[in-house]
Protein backbone atom coordinates (compact mmCIF):
# COMPACT_ATOMS: atom_id res chain seq x y z
CA MET A 1 0.00 0.00 0.00
CA SER A 2 1.37 3.41 -0.94
CA SER A 3 1.96 6.04 1.72
CA GLN A 4 -0.34 9.02 1.89
CA LEU A 5 0.18 12.46 3.36
CA MET A 6 -2.31 15.31 3.43
CA CYS A 7 -1.12 18.90 3.97
CA ARG A 8 -4.00 21.33 4.45
CA PRO A 9 -3.23 25.05 4.87
CA GLU A 10 -6.02 26.65 6.90
CA ARG A 11 -4.76 30.22 7.07
CA SER A 12 -1.76 32.18 5.86
CA LEU A 13 -1.73 35.59 7.60
CA PRO A 14 -0.94 36.96 10.04
CA VAL A 15 -0.21 33.50 11.52
CA ALA A 16 -0.04 30.54 9.14
CA VAL A 17 -1.61 27.20 10.09
CA LEU A 18 -0.72 23.99 8.24
CA ARG A 19 -2.45 20.77 9.27
CA VAL A 20 -0.57 17.60 8.35
CA SER A 21 -1.95 14.06 8.53
CA GLY A 22 -0.85 10.68 7.19
CA VAL A 23 2.54 8.98 7.06
CA LEU A 24 5.87 10.75 6.71
CA ASP A 25 8.42 8.69 4.78
CA ASP A 26 10.65 8.86 1.71
CA LEU A 27 7.63 8.93 -0.61
CA THR A 28 5.77 11.75 1.14
CA ARG A 29 8.54 14.02 2.44
CA GLY A 30 8.50 16.07 -0.78
CA ALA A 31 4.84 16.94 -0.28
CA LEU A 32 5.52 18.21 3.23
CA ALA A 33 8.54 20.20 2.08
CA GLN A 34 6.48 21.95 -0.61
CA ALA A 35 3.63 22.66 1.80
CA VAL A 36 5.98 24.22 4.38
CA ALA A 37 7.69 26.34 1.72
CA ARG A 38 4.33 27.52 0.38
CA SER A 39 3.20 28.55 3.87
CA LEU A 40 6.45 30.38 4.57
CA SER A 41 6.35 32.18 1.22
CA ALA A 42 3.45 34.31 2.50
CA GLN A 43 5.88 35.57 5.18
CA PRO A 44 3.63 35.04 8.21
CA GLU A 45 4.47 36.14 11.74
CA SER A 46 4.77 32.46 12.67
CA LEU A 47 3.96 29.05 11.17
CA LEU A 48 1.93 26.54 13.18
CA ILE A 49 2.25 22.96 11.91
CA ASP A 50 -0.41 20.65 13.35
CA VAL A 51 1.26 17.23 13.66
CA ALA A 52 -1.29 15.65 16.02
CA THR A 53 -2.37 13.14 13.33
CA LEU A 54 1.00 12.83 11.58
CA ASP A 55 2.44 9.31 11.72
CA VAL A 56 6.23 9.36 12.14
CA PRO A 57 6.84 5.59 12.15
CA ASP A 58 10.54 5.32 12.89
CA ALA A 59 13.79 7.14 13.66
CA ALA A 60 14.49 7.77 9.97
CA SER A 61 11.15 9.53 9.58
CA LEU A 62 11.86 11.60 12.69
CA THR A 63 15.15 12.69 11.12
CA MET A 64 13.24 13.67 7.96
CA LEU A 65 10.90 15.80 10.03
CA GLU A 66 13.86 17.49 11.70
CA ASP A 67 15.36 18.32 8.30
CA LEU A 68 12.06 19.56 6.87
CA VAL A 69 11.40 21.80 9.88
CA CYS A 70 14.85 22.97 10.98
CA ARG A 71 16.02 23.99 7.52
CA PRO A 72 13.01 26.28 6.87
CA ALA A 73 13.44 27.66 10.39
CA GLN A 74 16.40 29.57 8.98
CA TRP A 75 13.87 31.71 7.12
CA PRO A 76 14.25 35.05 8.89
CA PRO A 77 12.61 35.33 11.26
CA VAL A 78 9.51 33.08 11.16
CA PRO A 79 9.14 30.96 14.31
CA ILE A 80 7.79 27.47 13.66
CA VAL A 81 5.53 25.77 16.21
CA LEU A 82 4.81 22.04 16.12
CA CYS A 83 1.32 21.63 17.56
CA GLY A 84 0.06 18.41 19.09
CA ALA A 85 3.46 16.68 19.06
CA GLY A 86 3.56 13.38 20.93
CA PRO A 87 6.07 12.46 23.65
CA ASP A 88 8.62 10.91 21.26
CA MET A 89 8.59 13.91 18.95
CA THR A 90 8.81 16.35 21.86
CA ARG A 91 11.82 14.54 23.32
CA ALA A 92 13.55 14.49 19.93
CA LEU A 93 12.86 18.19 19.43
CA ALA A 94 14.94 19.01 22.52
CA GLY A 95 18.06 17.86 20.67
CA TRP A 96 17.40 19.57 17.34
CA PRO A 97 19.95 22.24 16.32
CA ALA A 98 17.24 24.80 15.54
CA ARG A 99 15.61 24.33 18.96
CA ASP A 100 15.41 28.09 19.53
CA ALA A 101 13.44 28.60 16.30
CA VAL A 102 11.16 25.57 16.66
CA THR A 103 8.88 25.17 19.68
CA THR A 104 5.89 23.02 20.61
CA ALA A 105 2.32 23.67 21.71
CA LEU A 106 -0.44 21.40 22.94
CA SER A 107 -2.64 22.44 20.02
CA CYS A 108 -3.01 25.07 17.31
CA ASP A 109 -5.68 26.80 19.40
CA ASP A 110 -3.21 27.16 22.28
CA ALA A 111 -0.50 28.46 19.92
CA LEU A 112 -2.90 30.95 18.31
CA ALA A 113 -3.94 32.24 21.73
CA ARG A 114 -0.28 32.67 22.65
CA ALA A 115 0.40 34.52 19.39
CA ARG A 116 -2.43 36.97 20.09
CA ASP A 117 -0.74 37.95 23.36
CA GLU A 118 2.60 38.73 21.70
CA PRO A 119 3.45 42.22 20.38
CA GLU A 120 2.66 42.51 16.69
CA PRO A 121 5.82 42.71 14.56
CA ARG A 122 6.25 45.77 12.42
CA ARG A 123 5.68 44.93 8.77
CA VAL A 124 4.91 46.69 5.49
CA ARG A 125 3.82 44.87 2.33
CA VAL A 126 3.43 46.23 -1.17
CA ARG A 127 2.86 44.74 -4.63
CA LEU A 128 4.98 46.13 -7.44
CA ARG A 129 4.91 45.83 -11.21
CA PRO A 130 8.14 44.80 -13.00
CA VAL A 131 8.92 48.30 -14.27
CA PRO A 132 12.01 50.46 -13.63
CA ASP A 133 10.01 52.89 -11.48
CA ALA A 134 9.47 50.06 -8.97
CA CYS A 135 13.06 50.62 -7.80
CA ARG A 136 12.34 54.23 -6.95
CA GLN A 137 9.12 53.27 -5.19
CA VAL A 138 10.71 50.64 -2.99
CA ARG A 139 13.72 52.83 -2.18
CA GLN A 140 11.42 55.61 -0.99
CA LEU A 141 9.23 53.18 0.97
CA VAL A 142 12.17 51.58 2.82
CA THR A 143 13.81 54.91 3.65
CA GLN A 144 10.63 56.41 5.05
CA THR A 145 9.63 53.26 6.95
CA CYS A 146 13.01 52.65 8.59
CA THR A 147 13.14 56.31 9.61
CA GLY A 148 9.64 56.04 11.06
CA TRP A 149 10.73 52.96 13.00
CA GLN A 150 13.61 55.02 14.48
CA HIS A 151 16.22 53.03 12.60
CA ARG A 152 17.63 55.77 10.42
CA GLU A 153 21.11 54.24 10.81
CA VAL A 154 20.14 51.27 8.63
CA ALA A 155 17.75 53.08 6.27
CA SER A 156 20.21 53.83 3.47
CA THR A 157 21.69 50.32 3.43
CA ALA A 158 18.26 48.68 3.56
CA ALA A 159 17.04 50.95 0.75
CA LEU A 160 20.03 50.01 -1.41
CA VAL A 161 19.50 46.29 -0.80
CA ALA A 162 15.78 46.58 -1.54
CA THR A 163 16.55 48.42 -4.77
CA GLU A 164 18.86 45.65 -5.93
CA LEU A 165 16.35 42.91 -5.07
CA VAL A 166 13.57 44.66 -6.97
CA ALA A 167 15.87 45.52 -9.88
CA ASN A 168 16.78 41.85 -10.19
CA VAL A 169 13.10 40.99 -10.70
CA VAL A 170 12.67 43.81 -13.21
CA ARG A 171 15.72 42.67 -15.22
CA HIS A 172 15.30 38.92 -15.07
CA ALA A 173 11.97 37.63 -13.70
CA HIS A 174 9.67 40.13 -15.45
CA THR A 175 6.77 39.26 -13.12
CA THR A 176 4.68 41.12 -10.58
CA MET A 177 6.39 40.99 -7.19
CA ASP A 178 5.41 41.21 -3.52
CA PHE A 179 7.88 43.19 -1.40
CA THR A 180 7.83 42.91 2.40
CA LEU A 181 9.80 44.96 4.91
CA GLY A 182 9.74 43.77 8.51
CA LEU A 183 11.34 44.50 11.86
CA ARG A 184 11.56 41.81 14.52
CA ASP A 185 14.04 40.83 17.21
CA GLY A 186 16.52 43.52 16.14
CA LEU A 187 16.52 42.44 12.50
CA VAL A 188 15.35 44.40 9.48
CA CYS A 189 14.10 41.80 7.01
CA LEU A 190 13.48 42.38 3.32
CA THR A 191 11.84 39.81 1.06
CA VAL A 192 10.77 39.82 -2.56
CA ARG A 193 8.51 37.15 -3.99
CA ASP A 194 8.18 36.84 -7.76
CA GLY A 195 6.65 34.42 -10.24
CA SER A 196 9.86 33.08 -11.79
CA ARG A 197 11.36 29.75 -10.74
CA LEU A 198 14.78 30.77 -12.08
CA LEU A 199 17.01 30.97 -9.00
CA PRO A 200 19.37 33.95 -8.74
CA ARG A 201 23.13 33.50 -8.47
CA PRO A 202 25.59 36.20 -7.42
CA LYS A 203 27.97 37.13 -10.22
CA ASP A 204 31.68 37.74 -9.88
CA PRO A 205 32.09 41.31 -8.58
CA GLY A 206 34.57 42.01 -11.37
CA VAL A 207 31.98 41.28 -14.05
CA ALA A 208 29.93 44.28 -15.12
CA GLU A 209 26.19 43.78 -14.72
CA ALA A 210 23.91 46.05 -16.70
CA GLY A 211 21.43 48.00 -14.61
CA GLY A 212 22.82 47.32 -11.15
CA ARG A 213 25.46 45.77 -8.95
CA GLY A 214 23.41 42.65 -8.42
CA LEU A 215 23.30 40.06 -5.69
CA HIS A 216 27.00 40.33 -4.93
CA LEU A 217 26.23 43.71 -3.35
CA VAL A 218 23.30 42.20 -1.44
CA ARG A 219 25.57 39.48 -0.09
CA GLU A 220 28.19 42.02 1.02
CA LEU A 221 25.75 44.40 2.74
CA THR A 222 23.50 41.98 4.64
CA GLU A 223 23.91 39.69 7.63
CA ALA A 224 22.37 36.81 5.70
CA TRP A 225 20.41 36.14 2.54
CA GLY A 226 18.85 33.20 0.77
CA VAL A 227 16.29 31.92 -1.69
CA LEU A 228 13.15 29.94 -0.88
CA PRO A 229 11.84 28.09 -3.97
CA VAL A 230 8.05 27.70 -4.10
CA PRO A 231 5.87 25.95 -6.71
CA ASP A 232 4.86 29.19 -8.40
CA GLY A 233 8.14 31.09 -8.14
CA LYS A 234 10.60 32.01 -5.41
CA VAL A 235 11.19 34.30 -2.46
CA VAL A 236 14.55 36.05 -2.01
CA TRP A 237 15.12 37.14 1.58
CA THR A 238 17.74 39.21 3.36
CA GLN A 239 18.27 40.47 6.89
CA LEU A 240 20.25 43.34 8.42
CA ALA A 241 20.99 43.99 12.06
CA ALA A 242 19.44 47.16 13.46
CA SER A 243 20.83 48.91 16.51
CA THR A 244 18.65 49.75 19.50
CA PRO A 245 17.02 53.13 18.86
């Protein structure tokens, strides 16, 4: 009998909820990986994964779950909560390397109630067309927002990084994009989601790149950056440290 796994997203914003049921094994791990990536691509404040009816039959499957959860936990900064985890899963979680980014809750209702009591992260979202003027729009938005958040010291760098991320979509992806600027836990986070599955690669800094300095500049100016592939495109994310105002 073939393994079956059902991943049902119930909400995406501000807190994402993904209910998972069935058997996790080599045949179904890809489905869970895609579902987690799709939930994270909306850039929620946190991701609740309901594993109460997920069958993790052996140690190998538990290792798969660790990989599928801990790797996305590097997405900055989206806490992941495993809801309804059994005793074995909870004990294993204590030894996972991303323990600080992955927590547990008795149920999704408990986790949602806890999320409502937490301060709401600062976040601005905007949809942009793939036209050159989008660079000016996002530069102005980031500068004004960071200044309003009393983080003028990082405004110019964040605006430059945002401009390069948007320019990369204008030059290469040619699709409508969703830009998000967030502030949480001392990190200014910038993400751009577009509709192209072509993954970006930083070019050699000595090679001229028409229209901008490209992802090499992004890599040099940020604390961390990465790409999250999703079925209908990708999300490029970056984060910069902000000083205490």
